[in-house]
Amino acid sequence: MWKRFPHALAAVLVAFGAGGCIGTALDSGGTPPFVPTETSCPIDPDAYIGGDVSLYECPDYWICENIPGGKRCYTPGADYPDGGDWRCYDEGGVTVCEGDHFPDGGGADGWNCESRGDLVICRDGSPDYPDGGGDGEWDCYYESEFRVCDSGGDLPGGGGGGGGGGGFDYPDEGEGWCFYPADGSTDGPPIVVGGFAFETVGGRSAAHIVLIFSEGFVDNSYGANSSDGYRGGHNGHTFRDLVSSDHAEVGFTNGSGTEVLRAKFDYISPGSAASGYDALGVTGGDGSMMSGDASAVLDASSSLDRNLNERGCVFLESSPTRAECPTWDNRVVYEMWIDMAVFGASGLGAPVLTSVHASPSRTTDTIPVIPGPCP
């Protein structure tokens, strides 16, 4: 059954043809340009990207539009374990849905469900993509009643998109690192995925390390557009929550396994940047040194810092909709540039996380974590 579509996708007419589908594509002026009268489903979005075509469709699969730097595709009706109320997100090539009940009939095909405390967690290890492609090409997320996939944007360590949007890439010159809740639930998606690259900062060789938190734990949505699941119920996540205490405590080992540095990295705080807020690294806000030399931390940033100060999306009351800021990164991401000299002859080892913190989070504000294999 067709559902009501977002503004840009309203008033789309569809007719069915034998053995395929008849689609009507609309350009920005609302005039239907030529498209094949019959084609197999789903339509490959690449077939109609460019030119005057900005919208194309195929029943029961995806409706797509051009956005700056890529494509955005919406499902006519997102896949859920059943018709109940679920909070869903894509992570590591897996669609994860959380609810308060077991799905009717055990769940739709492809869903595996289990109880975890008061929640029921359902996973689909082979979710649909707009052209059959897998993670790496599409960043998929749930928005209202729709599953939405944007072109571009890879997670370090080979994971799938988690609603990043915008098509920007984070570094990945290794196999990456993954961390899971220490209660042994490593069968699910990791709660943190990490990657790295070697760069130069101020003439010094640096390891650029990135840590991406699961959107099932915390995200960059707040105010009127806060996602569900936080304390306080609907719209329970605020900008102040992200400013007031959120940080990441990270240790760093060299290639011999010796920890050479440990610090708390600030997520976002009042600062001197144009937006009035900045990620203050280890020298301000919720950041501080715990061991080692602060001068070895050459720079630090976060996804919310980049959202506000690089992507020009200064929203301090409520996070923007995709229409208001197509490049908004909804993931909580910490970045740090560490002087390679601190690692010595053995070189970079790995980041060390013993817990993750967000106040509030969607689960427990501080969760002990352990490293594990990346999916």
Protein backbone atom coordinates (compact mmCIF):
# COMPACT_ATOMS: atom_id res chain seq x y z
CA MET A 1 0.00 0.00 0.00
CA TRP A 2 1.28 3.46 -0.86
CA LYS A 3 1.87 5.89 1.99
CA ARG A 4 1.98 9.66 2.08
CA PHE A 5 5.40 10.86 0.91
CA PRO A 6 7.53 13.80 2.11
CA HIS A 7 6.95 17.21 0.48
CA ALA A 8 9.29 16.78 -2.49
CA LEU A 9 7.76 13.41 -3.30
CA ALA A 10 4.09 14.27 -3.06
CA ALA A 11 1.70 14.00 -5.98
CA VAL A 12 3.57 11.25 -7.83
CA LEU A 13 1.43 9.20 -10.21
CA VAL A 14 2.13 5.53 -10.81
CA ALA A 15 0.72 3.04 -13.29
CA PHE A 16 1.46 -0.67 -13.37
CA GLY A 17 2.53 -2.61 -16.44
CA ALA A 18 2.74 -6.32 -17.06
CA GLY A 19 6.11 -7.76 -16.14
CA GLY A 20 7.44 -4.45 -14.86
CA CYS A 21 6.36 -0.96 -13.92
CA ILE A 22 5.54 2.32 -15.64
CA GLY A 23 7.18 5.27 -13.90
CA THR A 24 6.62 9.00 -14.32
CA ALA A 25 9.71 11.12 -13.54
CA LEU A 26 9.30 14.79 -12.67
CA ASP A 27 11.91 17.49 -13.14
CA SER A 28 12.15 20.60 -10.97
CA GLY A 29 9.57 22.36 -13.10
CA GLY A 30 7.04 19.57 -12.69
CA THR A 31 7.11 18.53 -16.38
CA PRO A 32 7.42 14.78 -16.93
CA PRO A 33 10.48 14.12 -19.15
CA PHE A 34 10.78 10.94 -21.17
CA VAL A 35 11.39 7.71 -19.27
CA PRO A 36 11.04 4.15 -20.52
CA THR A 37 7.40 3.11 -20.44
CA GLU A 38 8.24 -0.29 -19.04
CA THR A 39 11.22 -1.35 -16.97
CA SER A 40 12.08 -3.98 -14.43
CA CYS A 41 11.92 -3.13 -10.72
CA PRO A 42 13.70 -1.76 -8.88
CA ILE A 43 14.90 1.00 -11.16
CA ASP A 44 18.64 1.59 -10.98
CA PRO A 45 18.85 5.18 -9.64
CA ASP A 46 22.01 5.75 -11.70
CA ALA A 47 19.94 5.35 -14.86
CA TYR A 48 18.19 8.69 -14.32
CA ILE A 49 20.75 10.77 -12.48
CA GLY A 50 21.76 14.00 -14.22
CA GLY A 51 20.12 16.02 -16.94
CA ASP A 52 16.78 17.55 -16.03
CA VAL A 53 15.50 14.52 -14.16
CA SER A 54 15.24 15.12 -10.43
CA LEU A 55 12.64 12.53 -9.43
CA TYR A 56 11.91 9.01 -10.61
CA GLU A 57 10.00 6.13 -9.18
CA CYS A 58 8.94 2.53 -9.27
CA PRO A 59 6.01 1.12 -7.28
CA ASP A 60 6.71 -0.89 -4.11
CA TYR A 61 10.42 -0.12 -4.22
CA TRP A 62 12.01 3.34 -4.17
CA ILE A 63 11.27 6.93 -5.12
CA CYS A 64 14.47 8.86 -5.75
CA GLU A 65 15.56 12.47 -6.19
CA ASN A 66 18.79 14.32 -6.88
CA ILE A 67 20.40 16.07 -3.93
CA PRO A 68 23.67 18.03 -3.80
CA GLY A 69 26.48 15.56 -4.40
CA GLY A 70 24.33 12.49 -4.94
CA LYS A 71 20.91 10.87 -4.73
CA ARG A 72 18.28 10.30 -2.04
CA CYS A 73 15.82 7.42 -2.31
CA TYR A 74 12.71 6.74 -0.23
CA THR A 75 10.83 3.49 0.16
CA PRO A 76 7.08 3.60 -0.49
CA GLY A 77 6.75 1.84 2.87
CA ALA A 78 9.75 1.02 5.04
CA ASP A 79 10.35 -2.59 6.09
CA TYR A 80 9.56 -3.28 9.74
CA PRO A 81 9.40 -6.58 11.66
CA ASP A 82 5.61 -6.14 11.78
CA GLY A 83 3.05 -3.35 11.73
CA GLY A 84 3.86 -2.21 15.27
CA ASP A 85 5.81 0.78 16.57
CA TRP A 86 9.56 0.30 16.03
CA ARG A 87 12.63 2.55 16.24
CA CYS A 88 14.94 1.47 13.42
CA TYR A 89 18.35 2.36 12.03
CA ASP A 90 20.90 0.89 9.63
CA GLU A 91 24.33 -0.03 10.94
CA GLY A 92 27.15 -2.09 9.51
CA GLY A 93 25.04 -3.40 6.64
CA VAL A 94 22.35 -4.56 9.09
CA THR A 95 18.96 -2.97 9.77
CA VAL A 96 18.23 -2.96 13.51
CA CYS A 97 14.77 -2.31 14.98
CA GLU A 98 13.98 -1.89 18.67
CA GLY A 99 10.49 -2.31 20.10
CA ASP A 100 8.56 -3.34 23.19
CA HIS A 101 6.97 -6.54 21.84
CA PHE A 102 7.75 -9.60 19.77
CA PRO A 103 6.52 -9.09 16.20
CA ASP A 104 3.31 -10.74 15.08
CA GLY A 105 3.97 -14.21 13.76
CA GLY A 106 7.62 -14.05 14.80
CA GLY A 107 8.47 -11.27 12.34
CA ALA A 108 8.60 -10.79 8.59
CA ASP A 109 11.00 -12.80 6.44
CA GLY A 110 14.64 -11.98 7.13
CA TRP A 111 14.13 -10.64 10.67
CA ASN A 112 15.74 -12.31 13.69
CA CYS A 113 14.40 -11.10 17.04
CA GLU A 114 15.51 -11.49 20.65
CA SER A 115 14.65 -10.04 24.06
CA ARG A 116 17.16 -7.75 25.74
CA GLY A 117 15.86 -6.39 29.03
CA ASP A 118 12.67 -4.46 28.35
CA LEU A 119 13.46 -4.24 24.62
CA VAL A 120 12.93 -6.59 21.73
CA ILE A 121 15.79 -6.28 19.21
CA CYS A 122 15.15 -7.41 15.62
CA ARG A 123 17.82 -7.52 12.92
CA ASP A 124 17.66 -7.90 9.16
CA GLY A 125 21.09 -8.90 7.86
CA SER A 126 20.18 -8.39 4.19
CA PRO A 127 18.20 -5.13 3.92
CA ASP A 128 17.07 -3.76 0.57
CA TYR A 129 19.00 -0.97 -1.16
CA PRO A 130 17.81 1.29 -4.00
CA ASP A 131 19.74 -0.53 -6.73
CA GLY A 132 20.59 -3.75 -4.96
CA GLY A 133 23.94 -2.32 -3.84
CA GLY A 134 25.30 -2.94 -0.38
CA ASP A 135 26.81 -0.82 2.34
CA GLY A 136 29.49 1.63 1.28
CA GLU A 137 27.44 2.99 -1.62
CA TRP A 138 24.36 3.97 0.41
CA ASP A 139 23.87 5.54 3.84
CA CYS A 140 20.43 4.43 5.03
CA TYR A 141 18.34 5.63 7.95
CA TYR A 142 14.71 5.82 9.05
CA GLU A 143 12.86 9.12 8.91
CA SER A 144 9.27 9.11 10.14
CA GLU A 145 7.56 6.26 8.26
CA PHE A 146 10.21 6.01 5.54
CA ARG A 147 13.51 4.21 5.11
CA VAL A 148 15.76 6.68 3.32
CA CYS A 149 19.04 5.94 1.54
CA ASP A 150 21.54 8.63 0.48
CA SER A 151 24.33 8.01 -2.00
CA GLY A 152 27.92 8.16 -0.70
CA GLY A 153 29.54 8.01 2.71
CA ASP A 154 31.48 5.06 4.13
CA LEU A 155 32.17 4.09 7.71
CA PRO A 156 35.77 3.28 8.58
CA GLY A 157 36.47 -0.38 9.01
CA GLY A 158 34.11 -1.45 6.22
CA GLY A 159 30.84 -0.79 8.04
CA GLY A 160 27.70 0.40 6.32
CA GLY A 161 26.26 3.87 6.57
CA GLY A 162 24.46 4.86 9.71
CA GLY A 163 22.50 7.84 8.51
CA GLY A 164 25.51 10.05 7.93
CA GLY A 165 24.17 11.86 4.88
CA GLY A 166 26.14 14.23 2.67
CA GLY A 167 28.52 11.68 1.20
CA PHE A 168 31.64 12.78 3.11
CA ASP A 169 34.25 10.16 3.98
CA TYR A 170 36.24 9.49 7.13
CA PRO A 171 39.75 8.03 6.98
CA ASP A 172 40.35 4.31 6.75
CA GLU A 173 43.86 3.03 6.03
CA GLY A 174 43.54 -0.14 8.07
CA GLU A 175 41.06 -2.82 8.99
CA GLY A 176 39.58 -0.54 11.64
CA TRP A 177 38.52 -1.25 15.22
CA CYS A 178 35.17 -2.26 16.68
CA PHE A 179 33.93 -2.19 20.28
CA TYR A 180 30.96 -4.03 21.77
CA PRO A 181 29.09 -3.91 25.10
CA ALA A 182 31.15 -5.81 27.69
CA ASP A 183 28.14 -7.99 28.62
CA GLY A 184 29.16 -10.28 25.77
CA SER A 185 26.59 -9.25 23.18
CA THR A 186 29.09 -9.21 20.29
CA ASP A 187 26.56 -10.89 18.03
CA GLY A 188 24.95 -7.51 17.34
CA PRO A 189 26.36 -4.40 15.62
CA PRO A 190 29.33 -2.74 17.35
CA ILE A 191 28.61 0.24 19.58
CA VAL A 192 31.76 2.02 18.26
CA VAL A 193 33.54 1.68 14.92
CA GLY A 194 36.97 3.25 14.40
CA GLY A 195 39.32 4.00 11.52
CA PHE A 196 42.51 5.95 10.89
CA ALA A 197 44.76 7.63 8.33
CA PHE A 198 48.28 9.07 8.45
CA GLU A 199 48.39 12.82 7.84
CA THR A 200 50.57 15.87 8.47
CA VAL A 201 49.52 18.57 10.97
CA GLY A 202 51.71 21.65 11.32
CA GLY A 203 54.64 19.83 9.76
CA ARG A 204 54.34 16.87 12.15
CA SER A 205 53.31 13.33 11.20
CA ALA A 206 50.02 12.43 12.84
CA ALA A 207 47.60 9.53 13.18
CA HIS A 208 44.12 10.83 12.36
CA ILE A 209 41.84 8.56 14.40
CA VAL A 210 38.05 8.52 14.08
CA LEU A 211 35.55 6.89 16.45
CA ILE A 212 31.91 6.62 15.34
CA PHE A 213 29.26 5.85 17.95
CA SER A 214 26.22 3.72 17.15
CA GLU A 215 23.05 5.72 16.52
CA GLY A 216 21.34 3.11 18.67
CA PHE A 217 23.33 4.56 21.57
CA VAL A 218 23.31 8.32 20.81
CA ASP A 219 22.93 10.63 17.82
CA ASN A 220 23.02 14.28 16.73
CA SER A 221 19.24 14.72 16.75
CA TYR A 222 17.77 17.09 19.33
CA GLY A 223 14.95 19.48 20.13
CA ALA A 224 11.79 19.27 18.04
CA ASN A 225 13.53 16.80 15.69
CA SER A 226 14.98 14.57 18.40
CA SER A 227 14.69 10.89 17.63
CA ASP A 228 12.81 8.72 20.10
CA GLY A 229 14.25 6.57 22.86
CA TYR A 230 15.84 9.18 25.13
CA ARG A 231 14.82 9.90 28.72
CA GLY A 232 11.88 12.25 28.84
CA GLY A 233 10.07 10.50 25.99
CA HIS A 234 9.42 12.07 22.60
CA ASN A 235 11.85 14.92 21.80
CA GLY A 236 13.81 13.95 24.90
CA HIS A 237 17.28 14.84 23.54
CA THR A 238 18.42 18.47 23.66
CA PHE A 239 21.33 20.49 22.31
CA ARG A 240 22.28 21.24 25.93
CA ASP A 241 22.60 17.48 26.57
CA LEU A 242 25.33 17.24 23.95
CA VAL A 243 27.07 20.37 25.25
CA SER A 244 26.95 19.75 28.98
CA SER A 245 28.77 16.46 29.57
CA ASP A 246 29.33 14.35 26.47
CA HIS A 247 32.92 13.25 25.91
CA ALA A 248 34.99 10.22 24.88
CA GLU A 249 37.70 8.76 27.10
CA VAL A 250 40.33 7.18 24.85
CA GLY A 251 43.71 5.60 25.46
CA PHE A 252 46.27 4.97 22.72
CA THR A 253 48.78 2.12 22.50
CA ASN A 254 51.91 1.80 20.40
CA GLY A 255 52.69 -1.19 18.21
CA SER A 256 54.11 -3.05 21.24
CA GLY A 257 50.83 -2.75 23.12
CA THR A 258 52.01 -0.13 25.64
CA GLU A 259 49.55 2.66 26.41
CA VAL A 260 51.33 5.96 25.73
CA LEU A 261 48.49 8.45 26.13
CA ARG A 262 45.00 8.68 27.66
CA ALA A 263 42.61 11.62 27.52
CA LYS A 264 39.00 12.74 27.62
CA PHE A 265 37.98 14.42 24.35
CA ASP A 266 35.33 17.13 24.48
CA TYR A 267 32.38 16.69 22.12
CA ILE A 268 31.08 20.28 21.85
CA SER A 269 31.28 23.33 24.15
CA PRO A 270 30.90 27.10 24.00
CA GLY A 271 33.92 28.35 22.05
CA SER A 272 35.37 30.93 19.70
CA ALA A 273 34.14 29.38 16.42
CA ALA A 274 31.66 31.30 14.28
CA SER A 275 28.70 29.27 15.58
CA GLY A 276 29.66 30.02 19.18
CA TYR A 277 30.42 26.33 19.79
CA ASP A 278 33.48 24.20 19.16
CA ALA A 279 35.02 20.82 20.03
CA LEU A 280 37.67 21.77 22.59
CA GLY A 281 39.71 18.57 22.50
CA VAL A 282 41.65 17.83 25.69
CA THR A 283 42.06 21.42 26.88
CA GLY A 284 38.51 22.67 27.50
CA GLY A 285 34.90 21.79 28.08
CA ASP A 286 34.67 18.16 29.13
CA GLY A 287 38.15 17.40 27.78
CA SER A 288 41.23 16.74 29.90
CA MET A 289 44.49 14.80 29.95
CA MET A 290 44.64 11.66 32.09
CA SER A 291 48.15 10.50 31.24
CA GLY A 292 50.81 11.54 28.76
CA ASP A 293 51.71 14.88 27.20
CA ALA A 294 48.88 17.15 25.98
CA SER A 295 51.17 18.49 23.23
CA ALA A 296 50.94 15.08 21.53
CA VAL A 297 47.28 15.82 20.73
CA LEU A 298 47.78 18.00 17.67
CA ASP A 299 44.09 18.63 16.96
CA ALA A 300 40.59 17.32 17.71
CA SER A 301 37.10 17.69 16.25
CA SER A 302 33.68 16.07 16.28
CA SER A 303 30.81 15.57 13.85
CA LEU A 304 28.70 18.20 15.64
CA ASP A 305 31.61 20.66 15.42
CA ARG A 306 31.80 19.99 11.68
CA ASN A 307 28.01 20.28 11.32
CA LEU A 308 27.96 23.71 12.97
CA ASN A 309 31.21 25.21 11.73
CA GLU A 310 32.14 23.55 8.43
CA ARG A 311 28.84 22.53 6.90
CA GLY A 312 27.20 25.83 7.84
CA CYS A 313 24.29 24.18 9.63
CA VAL A 314 23.98 26.34 12.74
CA PHE A 315 20.94 24.90 14.50
CA LEU A 316 21.16 25.39 18.26
CA GLU A 317 17.58 24.64 19.32
CA SER A 318 16.51 21.77 17.09
CA SER A 319 18.62 19.68 14.73
CA PRO A 320 17.74 20.31 11.07
CA THR A 321 15.67 18.17 8.77
CA ARG A 322 17.37 16.72 5.70
CA ALA A 323 15.77 19.45 3.60
CA GLU A 324 17.22 22.15 5.86
CA CYS A 325 20.74 20.65 5.87
CA PRO A 326 21.35 17.77 3.44
CA THR A 327 24.96 17.34 4.64
CA TRP A 328 24.13 17.05 8.35
CA ASP A 329 25.90 14.09 9.98
CA ASN A 330 23.49 12.48 12.42
CA ARG A 331 26.21 10.24 13.85
CA VAL A 332 28.21 11.13 16.96
CA VAL A 333 31.81 11.08 15.74
CA TYR A 334 35.02 11.94 17.60
CA GLU A 335 38.20 12.80 15.68
CA MET A 336 41.70 13.23 17.05
CA TRP A 337 45.12 13.82 15.49
CA ILE A 338 47.91 12.24 17.59
CA ASP A 339 51.60 13.02 17.04
CA MET A 340 53.25 9.87 15.67
CA ALA A 341 56.37 10.61 17.72
CA VAL A 342 54.55 9.57 20.88
CA PHE A 343 54.24 5.99 19.58
CA GLY A 344 57.97 5.53 19.10
CA ALA A 345 59.65 3.05 16.78
CA SER A 346 56.85 0.48 17.02
CA GLY A 347 54.35 2.94 15.53
CA LEU A 348 50.61 3.21 16.04
CA GLY A 349 48.86 0.43 17.93
CA ALA A 350 45.16 0.99 18.60
CA PRO A 351 42.72 3.15 20.55
CA VAL A 352 41.70 1.76 23.93
CA LEU A 353 38.09 2.23 25.08
CA THR A 354 36.87 0.79 28.35
CA SER A 355 33.47 2.50 28.23
CA VAL A 356 31.34 4.87 26.14
CA HIS A 357 29.38 7.77 27.59
CA ALA A 358 26.49 9.99 26.51
CA SER A 359 24.08 11.74 28.85
CA PRO A 360 21.41 10.91 28.07
CA SER A 361 21.79 7.96 25.74
CA ARG A 362 19.10 5.67 24.38
CA THR A 363 20.20 2.89 26.72
CA THR A 364 22.53 3.28 29.72
CA ASP A 365 24.49 6.54 29.85
CA THR A 366 27.84 4.81 30.47
CA ILE A 367 28.39 1.35 28.97
CA PRO A 368 31.54 -0.76 29.55
CA VAL A 369 32.90 -1.97 26.20
CA ILE A 370 35.39 -4.52 24.91
CA PRO A 371 37.12 -4.77 21.51
CA GLY A 372 35.89 -7.36 19.03
CA PRO A 373 36.04 -8.31 15.35
CA CYS A 374 34.50 -5.89 12.91
CA PRO A 375 31.57 -7.19 10.84
